[in-house]
Amino acid sequence: CKNHKGDEICKSLDISKNTLKYYRKSIYSKTRTSSLSELII
């Protein structure tokens, strides 16, 4: 939501790109959102 890029998120949280991809999918599913705008709200 703070517009950090994928590489920045991985570095900040010490996770791999595949792990980030998994978390992204999980977050959108759990919050029932489908876009960045909806996720921010």
Full PDB file with SEQRES, HELIX, SHEET, SSBOND, CRYST1, ORIGX, SCALE, CONECT and MASTER records, all heavy atoms in Angstrom:
SEQRES   1 A   41  CYS LYS ASN HIS LYS GLY ASP GLU ILE CYS LYS SER LEU          
SEQRES   2 A   41  ASP ILE SER LYS ASN THR LEU LYS TYR TYR ARG LYS SER          
SEQRES   3 A   41  ILE TYR SER LYS THR ARG THR SER SER LEU SER GLU LEU          
SEQRES   4 A   41  ILE ILE                                                      
HELIX    1 AA1 GLY A    6  LEU A   13  1                                   8    
HELIX    2 AA2 LYS A   17  THR A   31  1                                  15    
HELIX    3 AA3 LEU A   36  ILE A   40  1                                   5    
CRYST1    1.000    1.000    1.000  90.00  90.00  90.00 P 1           1          
ORIGX1      1.000000  0.000000  0.000000        0.00000                         
ORIGX2      0.000000  1.000000  0.000000        0.00000                         
ORIGX3      0.000000  0.000000  1.000000        0.00000                         
SCALE1      1.000000  0.000000  0.000000        0.00000                         
SCALE2      0.000000  1.000000  0.000000        0.00000                         
SCALE3      0.000000  0.000000  1.000000        0.00000                         
ATOM      1  N   CYS A   1       0.816  -1.212   0.000  1.00  0.00           N  
ATOM      2  CA  CYS A   1       0.000   0.000   0.000  1.00  0.00           C  
ATOM      3  C   CYS A   1       0.853   1.269   0.000  1.00  0.00           C  
ATOM      4  O   CYS A   1       0.387   2.332  -0.408  1.00  0.00           O  
ATOM      5  CB  CYS A   1      -0.949   0.004   1.198  1.00  0.00           C  
ATOM      6  SG  CYS A   1      -2.260  -1.223   1.085  1.00  0.00           S  
ATOM      7  N   LYS A   2       2.081   1.151   0.459  1.00  0.00           N  
ATOM      8  CA  LYS A   2       2.997   2.297   0.441  1.00  0.00           C  
ATOM      9  C   LYS A   2       3.783   2.366  -0.860  1.00  0.00           C  
ATOM     10  O   LYS A   2       4.732   3.127  -0.993  1.00  0.00           O  
ATOM     11  CB  LYS A   2       3.947   2.215   1.636  1.00  0.00           C  
ATOM     12  CG  LYS A   2       3.262   2.461   2.976  1.00  0.00           C  
ATOM     13  CD  LYS A   2       4.232   2.313   4.132  1.00  0.00           C  
ATOM     14  CE  LYS A   2       3.519   2.538   5.468  1.00  0.00           C  
ATOM     15  NZ  LYS A   2       4.442   2.351   6.620  1.00  0.00           N  
ATOM     16  N   ASN A   3       3.351   1.545  -1.834  1.00  0.00           N  
ATOM     17  CA  ASN A   3       3.906   1.569  -3.188  1.00  0.00           C  
ATOM     18  C   ASN A   3       5.343   1.087  -3.269  1.00  0.00           C  
ATOM     19  O   ASN A   3       6.097   1.484  -4.149  1.00  0.00           O  
ATOM     20  CB  ASN A   3       3.797   2.981  -3.781  1.00  0.00           C  
ATOM     21  CG  ASN A   3       3.666   2.952  -5.292  1.00  0.00           C  
ATOM     22  OD1 ASN A   3       3.165   1.995  -5.861  1.00  0.00           O  
ATOM     23  ND2 ASN A   3       4.124   4.000  -5.946  1.00  0.00           N  
ATOM     24  N   HIS A   4       5.733   0.198  -2.340  1.00  0.00           N  
ATOM     25  CA  HIS A   4       7.066  -0.400  -2.404  1.00  0.00           C  
ATOM     26  C   HIS A   4       7.096  -1.443  -3.513  1.00  0.00           C  
ATOM     27  O   HIS A   4       6.138  -2.176  -3.719  1.00  0.00           O  
ATOM     28  CB  HIS A   4       7.432  -1.053  -1.069  1.00  0.00           C  
ATOM     29  CG  HIS A   4       7.781  -0.066  -0.007  1.00  0.00           C  
ATOM     30  ND1 HIS A   4       8.970  -0.114   0.683  1.00  0.00           N  
ATOM     31  CD2 HIS A   4       7.119   1.004   0.477  1.00  0.00           C  
ATOM     32  CE1 HIS A   4       9.017   0.883   1.561  1.00  0.00           C  
ATOM     33  NE2 HIS A   4       7.894   1.568   1.459  1.00  0.00           N  
ATOM     34  N   LYS A   5       8.205  -1.516  -4.223  1.00  0.00           N  
ATOM     35  CA  LYS A   5       8.368  -2.491  -5.288  1.00  0.00           C  
ATOM     36  C   LYS A   5       8.661  -3.874  -4.699  1.00  0.00           C  
ATOM     37  O   LYS A   5       9.058  -4.009  -3.545  1.00  0.00           O  
ATOM     38  CB  LYS A   5       9.507  -2.076  -6.220  1.00  0.00           C  
ATOM     39  CG  LYS A   5       9.341  -0.674  -6.818  1.00  0.00           C  
ATOM     40  CD  LYS A   5       8.050  -0.564  -7.607  1.00  0.00           C  
ATOM     41  CE  LYS A   5       7.916   0.839  -8.225  1.00  0.00           C  
ATOM     42  NZ  LYS A   5       6.617   1.022  -8.903  1.00  0.00           N  
ATOM     43  N   GLY A   6       8.501  -4.896  -5.545  1.00  0.00           N  
ATOM     44  CA  GLY A   6       8.705  -6.262  -5.091  1.00  0.00           C  
ATOM     45  C   GLY A   6      10.072  -6.506  -4.477  1.00  0.00           C  
ATOM     46  O   GLY A   6      10.193  -7.115  -3.406  1.00  0.00           O  
ATOM     47  N   ASP A   7      11.120  -6.016  -5.145  1.00  0.00           N  
ATOM     48  CA  ASP A   7      12.481  -6.215  -4.642  1.00  0.00           C  
ATOM     49  C   ASP A   7      12.672  -5.541  -3.282  1.00  0.00           C  
ATOM     50  O   ASP A   7      13.355  -6.077  -2.403  1.00  0.00           O  
ATOM     51  CB  ASP A   7      13.504  -5.663  -5.632  1.00  0.00           C  
ATOM     52  CG  ASP A   7      13.602  -6.510  -6.899  1.00  0.00           C  
ATOM     53  OD1 ASP A   7      13.134  -7.671  -6.857  1.00  0.00           O  
ATOM     54  OD2 ASP A   7      14.130  -6.024  -7.904  1.00  0.00           O  
ATOM     55  N   GLU A   8      12.054  -4.383  -3.124  1.00  0.00           N  
ATOM     56  CA  GLU A   8      12.173  -3.648  -1.861  1.00  0.00           C  
ATOM     57  C   GLU A   8      11.480  -4.403  -0.729  1.00  0.00           C  
ATOM     58  O   GLU A   8      11.993  -4.470   0.393  1.00  0.00           O  
ATOM     59  CB  GLU A   8      11.556  -2.251  -2.004  1.00  0.00           C  
ATOM     60  CG  GLU A   8      12.285  -1.351  -2.981  1.00  0.00           C  
ATOM     61  CD  GLU A   8      11.564  -0.042  -3.233  1.00  0.00           C  
ATOM     62  OE1 GLU A   8      10.320  -0.015  -3.093  1.00  0.00           O  
ATOM     63  OE2 GLU A   8      12.233   0.936  -3.572  1.00  0.00           O  
ATOM     64  N   ILE A   9      10.325  -4.987  -1.035  1.00  0.00           N  
ATOM     65  CA  ILE A   9       9.583  -5.749  -0.025  1.00  0.00           C  
ATOM     66  C   ILE A   9      10.372  -6.987   0.384  1.00  0.00           C  
ATOM     67  O   ILE A   9      10.492  -7.300   1.574  1.00  0.00           O  
ATOM     68  CB  ILE A   9       8.189  -6.140  -0.553  1.00  0.00           C  
ATOM     69  CG1 ILE A   9       7.348  -4.884  -0.834  1.00  0.00           C  
ATOM     70  CG2 ILE A   9       7.465  -7.049   0.451  1.00  0.00           C  
ATOM     71  CD1 ILE A   9       6.014  -5.169  -1.497  1.00  0.00           C  
ATOM     72  N   CYS A  10      10.920  -7.685  -0.611  1.00  0.00           N  
ATOM     73  CA  CYS A  10      11.696  -8.890  -0.320  1.00  0.00           C  
ATOM     74  C   CYS A  10      12.898  -8.569   0.561  1.00  0.00           C  
ATOM     75  O   CYS A  10      13.189  -9.291   1.525  1.00  0.00           O  
ATOM     76  CB  CYS A  10      12.179  -9.535  -1.621  1.00  0.00           C  
ATOM     77  SG  CYS A  10      10.864 -10.301  -2.586  1.00  0.00           S  
ATOM     78  N   LYS A  11      13.577  -7.494   0.247  1.00  0.00           N  
ATOM     79  CA  LYS A  11      14.756  -7.103   1.018  1.00  0.00           C  
ATOM     80  C   LYS A  11      14.370  -6.672   2.425  1.00  0.00           C  
ATOM     81  O   LYS A  11      15.024  -7.045   3.413  1.00  0.00           O  
ATOM     82  CB  LYS A  11      15.488  -5.961   0.310  1.00  0.00           C  
ATOM     83  CG  LYS A  11      16.780  -5.545   0.992  1.00  0.00           C  
ATOM     84  CD  LYS A  11      17.493  -4.464   0.188  1.00  0.00           C  
ATOM     85  CE  LYS A  11      18.788  -4.046   0.887  1.00  0.00           C  
ATOM     86  NZ  LYS A  11      19.509  -2.999   0.100  1.00  0.00           N  
ATOM     87  N   SER A  12      13.296  -5.890   2.540  1.00  0.00           N  
ATOM     88  CA  SER A  12      12.861  -5.382   3.833  1.00  0.00           C  
ATOM     89  C   SER A  12      12.428  -6.501   4.771  1.00  0.00           C  
ATOM     90  O   SER A  12      12.710  -6.470   5.982  1.00  0.00           O  
ATOM     91  CB  SER A  12      11.711  -4.393   3.648  1.00  0.00           C  
ATOM     92  OG  SER A  12      11.220  -3.930   4.881  1.00  0.00           O  
ATOM     93  N   LEU A  13      11.740  -7.508   4.229  1.00  0.00           N  
ATOM     94  CA  LEU A  13      11.199  -8.592   5.053  1.00  0.00           C  
ATOM     95  C   LEU A  13      12.046  -9.867   4.994  1.00  0.00           C  
ATOM     96  O   LEU A  13      11.707 -10.854   5.650  1.00  0.00           O  
ATOM     97  CB  LEU A  13       9.759  -8.903   4.617  1.00  0.00           C  
ATOM     98  CG  LEU A  13       8.762  -7.740   4.724  1.00  0.00           C  
ATOM     99  CD1 LEU A  13       7.397  -8.166   4.204  1.00  0.00           C  
ATOM    100  CD2 LEU A  13       8.651  -7.236   6.156  1.00  0.00           C  
ATOM    101  N   ASP A  14      13.108  -9.803   4.210  1.00  0.00           N  
ATOM    102  CA  ASP A  14      14.024 -10.946   4.071  1.00  0.00           C  
ATOM    103  C   ASP A  14      13.274 -12.199   3.601  1.00  0.00           C  
ATOM    104  O   ASP A  14      13.347 -13.264   4.218  1.00  0.00           O  
ATOM    105  CB  ASP A  14      14.751 -11.226   5.395  1.00  0.00           C  
ATOM    106  CG  ASP A  14      15.933 -12.182   5.217  1.00  0.00           C  
ATOM    107  OD1 ASP A  14      16.458 -12.255   4.093  1.00  0.00           O  
ATOM    108  OD2 ASP A  14      16.309 -12.849   6.199  1.00  0.00           O  
ATOM    109  N   ILE A  15      12.540 -12.036   2.511  1.00  0.00           N  
ATOM    110  CA  ILE A  15      11.810 -13.161   1.926  1.00  0.00           C  
ATOM    111  C   ILE A  15      12.147 -13.251   0.447  1.00  0.00           C  
ATOM    112  O   ILE A  15      12.616 -12.291  -0.165  1.00  0.00           O  
ATOM    113  CB  ILE A  15      10.280 -13.018   2.100  1.00  0.00           C  
ATOM    114  CG1 ILE A  15       9.780 -11.714   1.463  1.00  0.00           C  
ATOM    115  CG2 ILE A  15       9.892 -13.094   3.579  1.00  0.00           C  
ATOM    116  CD1 ILE A  15       8.280 -11.526   1.523  1.00  0.00           C  
ATOM    117  N   SER A  16      11.895 -14.402  -0.161  1.00  0.00           N  
ATOM    118  CA  SER A  16      12.178 -14.596  -1.576  1.00  0.00           C  
ATOM    119  C   SER A  16      11.031 -14.066  -2.434  1.00  0.00           C  
ATOM    120  O   SER A  16       9.934 -13.793  -1.936  1.00  0.00           O  
ATOM    121  CB  SER A  16      12.378 -16.080  -1.870  1.00  0.00           C  
ATOM    122  OG  SER A  16      11.147 -16.780  -1.741  1.00  0.00           O  
ATOM    123  N   LYS A  17      11.276 -13.948  -3.745  1.00  0.00           N  
ATOM    124  CA  LYS A  17      10.244 -13.480  -4.661  1.00  0.00           C  
ATOM    125  C   LYS A  17       9.072 -14.460  -4.722  1.00  0.00           C  
ATOM    126  O   LYS A  17       7.910 -14.046  -4.827  1.00  0.00           O  
ATOM    127  CB  LYS A  17      10.829 -13.273  -6.059  1.00  0.00           C  
ATOM    128  CG  LYS A  17      11.774 -12.087  -6.143  1.00  0.00           C  
ATOM    129  CD  LYS A  17      12.255 -11.871  -7.567  1.00  0.00           C  
ATOM    130  CE  LYS A  17      13.167 -10.662  -7.655  1.00  0.00           C  
ATOM    131  NZ  LYS A  17      13.664 -10.421  -9.027  1.00  0.00           N  
ATOM    132  N   ASN A  18       9.373 -15.746  -4.664  1.00  0.00           N  
ATOM    133  CA  ASN A  18       8.299 -16.753  -4.681  1.00  0.00           C  
ATOM    134  C   ASN A  18       7.439 -16.664  -3.429  1.00  0.00           C  
ATOM    135  O   ASN A  18       6.215 -16.817  -3.487  1.00  0.00           O  
ATOM    136  CB  ASN A  18       8.890 -18.155  -4.813  1.00  0.00           C  
ATOM    137  CG  ASN A  18       9.364 -18.457  -6.222  1.00  0.00           C  
ATOM    138  OD1 ASN A  18       8.889 -17.846  -7.183  1.00  0.00           O  
ATOM    139  ND2 ASN A  18      10.299 -19.382  -6.357  1.00  0.00           N  
ATOM    140  N   THR A  19       8.097 -16.398  -2.279  1.00  0.00           N  
ATOM    141  CA  THR A  19       7.352 -16.249  -1.025  1.00  0.00           C  
ATOM    142  C   THR A  19       6.468 -15.017  -1.083  1.00  0.00           C  
ATOM    143  O   THR A  19       5.303 -15.035  -0.656  1.00  0.00           O  
ATOM    144  CB  THR A  19       8.315 -16.138   0.165  1.00  0.00           C  
ATOM    145  OG1 THR A  19       9.124 -17.309   0.229  1.00  0.00           O  
ATOM    146  CG2 THR A  19       7.549 -16.002   1.480  1.00  0.00           C  
ATOM    147  N   LEU A  20       6.996 -13.926  -1.632  1.00  0.00           N  
ATOM    148  CA  LEU A  20       6.214 -12.697  -1.772  1.00  0.00           C  
ATOM    149  C   LEU A  20       5.007 -12.939  -2.673  1.00  0.00           C  
ATOM    150  O   LEU A  20       3.900 -12.476  -2.387  1.00  0.00           O  
ATOM    151  CB  LEU A  20       7.083 -11.581  -2.341  1.00  0.00           C  
ATOM    152  CG  LEU A  20       6.348 -10.268  -2.654  1.00  0.00           C  
ATOM    153  CD1 LEU A  20       5.690  -9.694  -1.407  1.00  0.00           C  
ATOM    154  CD2 LEU A  20       7.325  -9.253  -3.262  1.00  0.00           C  
ATOM    155  N   LYS A  21       5.223 -13.669  -3.765  1.00  0.00           N  
ATOM    156  CA  LYS A  21       4.126 -13.983  -4.679  1.00  0.00           C  
ATOM    157  C   LYS A  21       3.017 -14.745  -3.958  1.00  0.00           C  
ATOM    158  O   LYS A  21       1.829 -14.476  -4.151  1.00  0.00           O  
ATOM    159  CB  LYS A  21       4.661 -14.800  -5.853  1.00  0.00           C  
ATOM    160  CG  LYS A  21       3.622 -15.091  -6.926  1.00  0.00           C  
ATOM    161  CD  LYS A  21       4.247 -15.855  -8.097  1.00  0.00           C  
ATOM    162  CE  LYS A  21       3.222 -16.149  -9.173  1.00  0.00           C  
ATOM    163  NZ  LYS A  21       3.818 -16.889 -10.320  1.00  0.00           N  
ATOM    164  N   TYR A  22       3.415 -15.664  -3.099  1.00  0.00           N  
ATOM    165  CA  TYR A  22       2.446 -16.442  -2.329  1.00  0.00           C  
ATOM    166  C   TYR A  22       1.657 -15.520  -1.391  1.00  0.00           C  
ATOM    167  O   TYR A  22       0.431 -15.606  -1.288  1.00  0.00           O  
ATOM    168  CB  TYR A  22       3.159 -17.524  -1.518  1.00  0.00           C  
ATOM    169  CG  TYR A  22       2.285 -18.173  -0.471  1.00  0.00           C  
ATOM    170  CD1 TYR A  22       1.389 -19.185  -0.803  1.00  0.00           C  
ATOM    171  CD2 TYR A  22       2.318 -17.740   0.860  1.00  0.00           C  
ATOM    172  CE1 TYR A  22       0.568 -19.753   0.153  1.00  0.00           C  
ATOM    173  CE2 TYR A  22       1.500 -18.307   1.818  1.00  0.00           C  
ATOM    174  CZ  TYR A  22       0.631 -19.307   1.466  1.00  0.00           C  
ATOM    175  OH  TYR A  22      -0.178 -19.866   2.410  1.00  0.00           O  
ATOM    176  N   TYR A  23       2.378 -14.640  -0.689  1.00  0.00           N  
ATOM    177  CA  TYR A  23       1.718 -13.747   0.260  1.00  0.00           C  
ATOM    178  C   TYR A  23       0.762 -12.787  -0.456  1.00  0.00           C  
ATOM    179  O   TYR A  23      -0.333 -12.499   0.037  1.00  0.00           O  
ATOM    180  CB  TYR A  23       2.745 -12.958   1.066  1.00  0.00           C  
ATOM    181  CG  TYR A  23       3.417 -13.754   2.166  1.00  0.00           C  
ATOM    182  CD1 TYR A  23       4.787 -13.652   2.383  1.00  0.00           C  
ATOM    183  CD2 TYR A  23       2.685 -14.603   2.989  1.00  0.00           C  
ATOM    184  CE1 TYR A  23       5.406 -14.374   3.401  1.00  0.00           C  
ATOM    185  CE2 TYR A  23       3.291 -15.335   3.999  1.00  0.00           C  
ATOM    186  CZ  TYR A  23       4.654 -15.217   4.199  1.00  0.00           C  
ATOM    187  OH  TYR A  23       5.267 -15.934   5.202  1.00  0.00           O  
ATOM    188  N   ARG A  24       1.176 -12.281  -1.604  1.00  0.00           N  
ATOM    189  CA  ARG A  24       0.305 -11.379  -2.369  1.00  0.00           C  
ATOM    190  C   ARG A  24      -1.021 -12.068  -2.703  1.00  0.00           C  
ATOM    191  O   ARG A  24      -2.099 -11.495  -2.505  1.00  0.00           O  
ATOM    192  CB  ARG A  24       0.990 -10.968  -3.682  1.00  0.00           C  
ATOM    193  CG  ARG A  24       2.028  -9.867  -3.567  1.00  0.00           C  
ATOM    194  CD  ARG A  24       2.577  -9.556  -4.953  1.00  0.00           C  
ATOM    195  NE  ARG A  24       3.629  -8.572  -4.943  1.00  0.00           N  
ATOM    196  CZ  ARG A  24       3.431  -7.254  -5.029  1.00  0.00           C  
ATOM    197  NH1 ARG A  24       2.210  -6.785  -5.102  1.00  0.00           N  
ATOM    198  NH2 ARG A  24       4.469  -6.435  -5.028  1.00  0.00           N  
ATOM    199  N   LYS A  25      -0.923 -13.276  -3.217  1.00  0.00           N  
ATOM    200  CA  LYS A  25      -2.118 -14.031  -3.595  1.00  0.00           C  
ATOM    201  C   LYS A  25      -2.989 -14.277  -2.378  1.00  0.00           C  
ATOM    202  O   LYS A  25      -4.224 -14.136  -2.436  1.00  0.00           O  
ATOM    203  CB  LYS A  25      -1.709 -15.355  -4.239  1.00  0.00           C  
ATOM    204  CG  LYS A  25      -2.883 -16.181  -4.734  1.00  0.00           C  
ATOM    205  CD  LYS A  25      -2.398 -17.444  -5.443  1.00  0.00           C  
ATOM    206  CE  LYS A  25      -3.571 -18.280  -5.946  1.00  0.00           C  
ATOM    207  NZ  LYS A  25      -3.119 -19.519  -6.641  1.00  0.00           N  
ATOM    208  N   SER A  26      -2.369 -14.629  -1.258  1.00  0.00           N  
ATOM    209  CA  SER A  26      -3.111 -14.900  -0.031  1.00  0.00           C  
ATOM    210  C   SER A  26      -3.810 -13.648   0.494  1.00  0.00           C  
ATOM    211  O   SER A  26      -4.970 -13.694   0.914  1.00  0.00           O  
ATOM    212  CB  SER A  26      -2.152 -15.441   1.037  1.00  0.00           C  
ATOM    213  OG  SER A  26      -2.832 -15.642   2.260  1.00  0.00           O  
ATOM    214  N   ILE A  27      -3.110 -12.523   0.449  1.00  0.00           N  
ATOM    215  CA  ILE A  27      -3.661 -11.260   0.951  1.00  0.00           C  
ATOM    216  C   ILE A  27      -4.889 -10.848   0.145  1.00  0.00           C  
ATOM    217  O   ILE A  27      -5.936 -10.505   0.697  1.00  0.00           O  
ATOM    218  CB  ILE A  27      -2.593 -10.154   0.921  1.00  0.00           C  
ATOM    219  CG1 ILE A  27      -1.541 -10.409   1.997  1.00  0.00           C  
ATOM    220  CG2 ILE A  27      -3.231  -8.773   1.129  1.00  0.00           C  
ATOM    221  CD1 ILE A  27      -0.297  -9.565   1.850  1.00  0.00           C  
ATOM    222  N   TYR A  28      -4.774 -10.872  -1.185  1.00  0.00           N  
ATOM    223  CA  TYR A  28      -5.910 -10.487  -2.022  1.00  0.00           C  
ATOM    224  C   TYR A  28      -7.094 -11.426  -1.817  1.00  0.00           C  
ATOM    225  O   TYR A  28      -8.259 -11.005  -1.837  1.00  0.00           O  
ATOM    226  CB  TYR A  28      -5.499 -10.462  -3.498  1.00  0.00           C  
ATOM    227  CG  TYR A  28      -4.810  -9.181  -3.914  1.00  0.00           C  
ATOM    228  CD1 TYR A  28      -3.436  -9.146  -4.147  1.00  0.00           C  
ATOM    229  CD2 TYR A  28      -5.525  -8.004  -4.065  1.00  0.00           C  
ATOM    230  CE1 TYR A  28      -2.800  -7.975  -4.518  1.00  0.00           C  
ATOM    231  CE2 TYR A  28      -4.906  -6.820  -4.441  1.00  0.00           C  
ATOM    232  CZ  TYR A  28      -3.534  -6.816  -4.667  1.00  0.00           C  
ATOM    233  OH  TYR A  28      -2.911  -5.641  -5.035  1.00  0.00           O  
ATOM    234  N   SER A  29      -6.801 -12.701  -1.596  1.00  0.00           N  
ATOM    235  CA  SER A  29      -7.865 -13.668  -1.372  1.00  0.00           C  
ATOM    236  C   SER A  29      -8.562 -13.426  -0.041  1.00  0.00           C  
ATOM    237  O   SER A  29      -9.795 -13.383   0.035  1.00  0.00           O  
ATOM    238  CB  SER A  29      -7.287 -15.085  -1.407  1.00  0.00           C  
ATOM    239  OG  SER A  29      -8.277 -16.044  -1.073  1.00  0.00           O  
ATOM    240  N   LYS A  30      -7.781 -13.251   1.020  1.00  0.00           N  
ATOM    241  CA  LYS A  30      -8.353 -13.089   2.359  1.00  0.00           C  
ATOM    242  C   LYS A  30      -9.110 -11.767   2.517  1.00  0.00           C  
ATOM    243  O   LYS A  30     -10.097 -11.697   3.253  1.00  0.00           O  
ATOM    244  CB  LYS A  30      -7.253 -13.181   3.407  1.00  0.00           C  
ATOM    245  CG  LYS A  30      -6.696 -14.590   3.611  1.00  0.00           C  
ATOM    246  CD  LYS A  30      -5.631 -14.606   4.690  1.00  0.00           C  
ATOM    247  CE  LYS A  30      -5.108 -16.016   4.935  1.00  0.00           C  
ATOM    248  NZ  LYS A  30      -4.056 -16.038   6.000  1.00  0.00           N  
ATOM    249  N   THR A  31      -8.635 -10.713   1.857  1.00  0.00           N  
ATOM    250  CA  THR A  31      -9.291  -9.414   1.983  1.00  0.00           C  
ATOM    251  C   THR A  31     -10.396  -9.218   0.955  1.00  0.00           C  
ATOM    252  O   THR A  31     -11.078  -8.204   0.953  1.00  0.00           O  
ATOM    253  CB  THR A  31      -8.269  -8.271   1.839  1.00  0.00           C  
ATOM    254  OG1 THR A  31      -7.634  -8.365   0.552  1.00  0.00           O  
ATOM    255  CG2 THR A  31      -7.203  -8.334   2.927  1.00  0.00           C  
ATOM    256  N   ARG A  32     -10.518 -10.203   0.058  1.00  0.00           N  
ATOM    257  CA  ARG A  32     -11.548 -10.151  -0.991  1.00  0.00           C  
ATOM    258  C   ARG A  32     -11.428  -8.886  -1.831  1.00  0.00           C  
ATOM    259  O   ARG A  32     -12.421  -8.254  -2.196  1.00  0.00           O  
ATOM    260  CB  ARG A  32     -12.951 -10.253  -0.376  1.00  0.00           C  
ATOM    261  CG  ARG A  32     -13.192 -11.552   0.363  1.00  0.00           C  
ATOM    262  CD  ARG A  32     -14.563 -11.593   0.989  1.00  0.00           C  
ATOM    263  NE  ARG A  32     -14.725 -12.742   1.862  1.00  0.00           N  
ATOM    264  CZ  ARG A  32     -15.772 -12.939   2.650  1.00  0.00           C  
ATOM    265  NH1 ARG A  32     -16.764 -12.068   2.657  1.00  0.00           N  
ATOM    266  NH2 ARG A  32     -15.834 -14.012   3.421  1.00  0.00           N  
ATOM    267  N   THR A  33     -10.202  -8.516  -2.125  1.00  0.00           N  
ATOM    268  CA  THR A  33      -9.942  -7.369  -2.987  1.00  0.00           C  
ATOM    269  C   THR A  33      -9.300  -7.877  -4.274  1.00  0.00           C  
ATOM    270  O   THR A  33      -8.731  -8.965  -4.303  1.00  0.00           O  
ATOM    271  CB  THR A  33      -9.006  -6.354  -2.309  1.00  0.00           C  
ATOM    272  OG1 THR A  33      -7.787  -7.014  -1.917  1.00  0.00           O  
ATOM    273  CG2 THR A  33      -9.661  -5.748  -1.074  1.00  0.00           C  
ATOM    274  N   SER A  34      -9.376  -7.056  -5.319  1.00  0.00           N  
ATOM    275  CA  SER A  34      -8.831  -7.491  -6.605  1.00  0.00           C  
ATOM    276  C   SER A  34      -7.935  -6.446  -7.252  1.00  0.00           C  
ATOM    277  O   SER A  34      -7.464  -6.639  -8.367  1.00  0.00           O  
ATOM    278  CB  SER A  34      -9.974  -7.839  -7.567  1.00  0.00           C  
ATOM    279  OG  SER A  34     -10.833  -6.726  -7.739  1.00  0.00           O  
ATOM    280  N   SER A  35      -7.720  -5.308  -6.556  1.00  0.00           N  
ATOM    281  CA  SER A  35      -6.864  -4.268  -7.112  1.00  0.00           C  
ATOM    282  C   SER A  35      -6.142  -3.551  -5.980  1.00  0.00           C  
ATOM    283  O   SER A  35      -6.541  -3.635  -4.809  1.00  0.00           O  
ATOM    284  CB  SER A  35      -7.685  -3.248  -7.904  1.00  0.00           C  
ATOM    285  OG  SER A  35      -8.509  -2.500  -7.026  1.00  0.00           O  
ATOM    286  N   LEU A  36      -5.084  -2.823  -6.325  1.00  0.00           N  
ATOM    287  CA  LEU A  36      -4.339  -2.059  -5.331  1.00  0.00           C  
ATOM    288  C   LEU A  36      -5.230  -1.012  -4.676  1.00  0.00           C  
ATOM    289  O   LEU A  36      -5.155  -0.784  -3.468  1.00  0.00           O  
ATOM    290  CB  LEU A  36      -3.129  -1.383  -5.991  1.00  0.00           C  
ATOM    291  CG  LEU A  36      -2.295  -0.457  -5.094  1.00  0.00           C  
ATOM    292  CD1 LEU A  36      -1.741  -1.215  -3.897  1.00  0.00           C  
ATOM    293  CD2 LEU A  36      -1.169   0.182  -5.894  1.00  0.00           C  
ATOM    294  N   SER A  37      -6.087  -0.388  -5.468  1.00  0.00           N  
ATOM    295  CA  SER A  37      -6.984   0.643  -4.930  1.00  0.00           C  
ATOM    296  C   SER A  37      -7.883   0.074  -3.834  1.00  0.00           C  
ATOM    297  O   SER A  37      -8.043   0.679  -2.776  1.00  0.00           O  
ATOM    298  CB  SER A  37      -7.845   1.231  -6.051  1.00  0.00           C  
ATOM    299  OG  SER A  37      -7.039   1.775  -7.061  1.00  0.00           O  
ATOM    300  N   GLU A  38      -8.485  -1.079  -4.100  1.00  0.00           N  
ATOM    301  CA  GLU A  38      -9.355  -1.707  -3.107  1.00  0.00           C  
ATOM    302  C   GLU A  38      -8.560  -2.115  -1.871  1.00  0.00           C  
ATOM    303  O   GLU A  38      -9.047  -1.991  -0.743  1.00  0.00           O  
ATOM    304  CB  GLU A  38     -10.046  -2.933  -3.717  1.00  0.00           C  
ATOM    305  CG  GLU A  38     -11.058  -2.600  -4.799  1.00  0.00           C  
ATOM    306  CD  GLU A  38     -11.666  -3.859  -5.415  1.00  0.00           C  
ATOM    307  OE1 GLU A  38     -11.187  -4.960  -5.084  1.00  0.00           O  
ATOM    308  OE2 GLU A  38     -12.597  -3.723  -6.223  1.00  0.00           O  
ATOM    309  N   LEU A  39      -7.336  -2.585  -2.090  1.00  0.00           N  
ATOM    310  CA  LEU A  39      -6.489  -3.005  -0.975  1.00  0.00           C  
ATOM    311  C   LEU A  39      -6.130  -1.820  -0.082  1.00  0.00           C  
ATOM    312  O   LEU A  39      -6.105  -1.934   1.144  1.00  0.00           O  
ATOM    313  CB  LEU A  39      -5.218  -3.674  -1.510  1.00  0.00           C  
ATOM    314  CG  LEU A  39      -4.410  -4.502  -0.503  1.00  0.00           C  
ATOM    315  CD1 LEU A  39      -5.242  -5.683   0.010  1.00  0.00           C  
ATOM    316  CD2 LEU A  39      -3.124  -5.010  -1.154  1.00  0.00           C  
ATOM    317  N   ILE A  40      -5.857  -0.664  -0.695  1.00  0.00           N  
ATOM    318  CA  ILE A  40      -5.535   0.545   0.066  1.00  0.00           C  
ATOM    319  C   ILE A  40      -6.718   0.970   0.924  1.00  0.00           C  
ATOM    320  O   ILE A  40      -6.567   1.290   2.110  1.00  0.00           O  
ATOM    321  CB  ILE A  40      -5.119   1.688  -0.887  1.00  0.00           C  
ATOM    322  CG1 ILE A  40      -3.758   1.381  -1.515  1.00  0.00           C  
ATOM    323  CG2 ILE A  40      -5.059   3.020  -0.134  1.00  0.00           C  
ATOM    324  CD1 ILE A  40      -3.387   2.320  -2.650  1.00  0.00           C  
ATOM    325  N   ILE A  41      -7.909   0.983   0.336  1.00  0.00           N  
ATOM    326  CA  ILE A  41      -9.111   1.357   1.084  1.00  0.00           C  
ATOM    327  C   ILE A  41      -9.322   0.395   2.253  1.00  0.00           C  
ATOM    328  O   ILE A  41      -9.643   0.807   3.376  1.00  0.00           O  
ATOM    329  CB  ILE A  41     -10.358   1.352   0.173  1.00  0.00           C  
ATOM    330  CG1 ILE A  41     -10.207   2.415  -0.932  1.00  0.00           C  
ATOM    331  CG2 ILE A  41     -11.616   1.606   0.992  1.00  0.00           C  
ATOM    332  CD1 ILE A  41     -10.080   3.828  -0.447  1.00  0.00           C  
TER     333      ILE A  41                                                      
MASTER        0    0    0    3    0    0    0    6  332    1    0    4          
END                                                                             
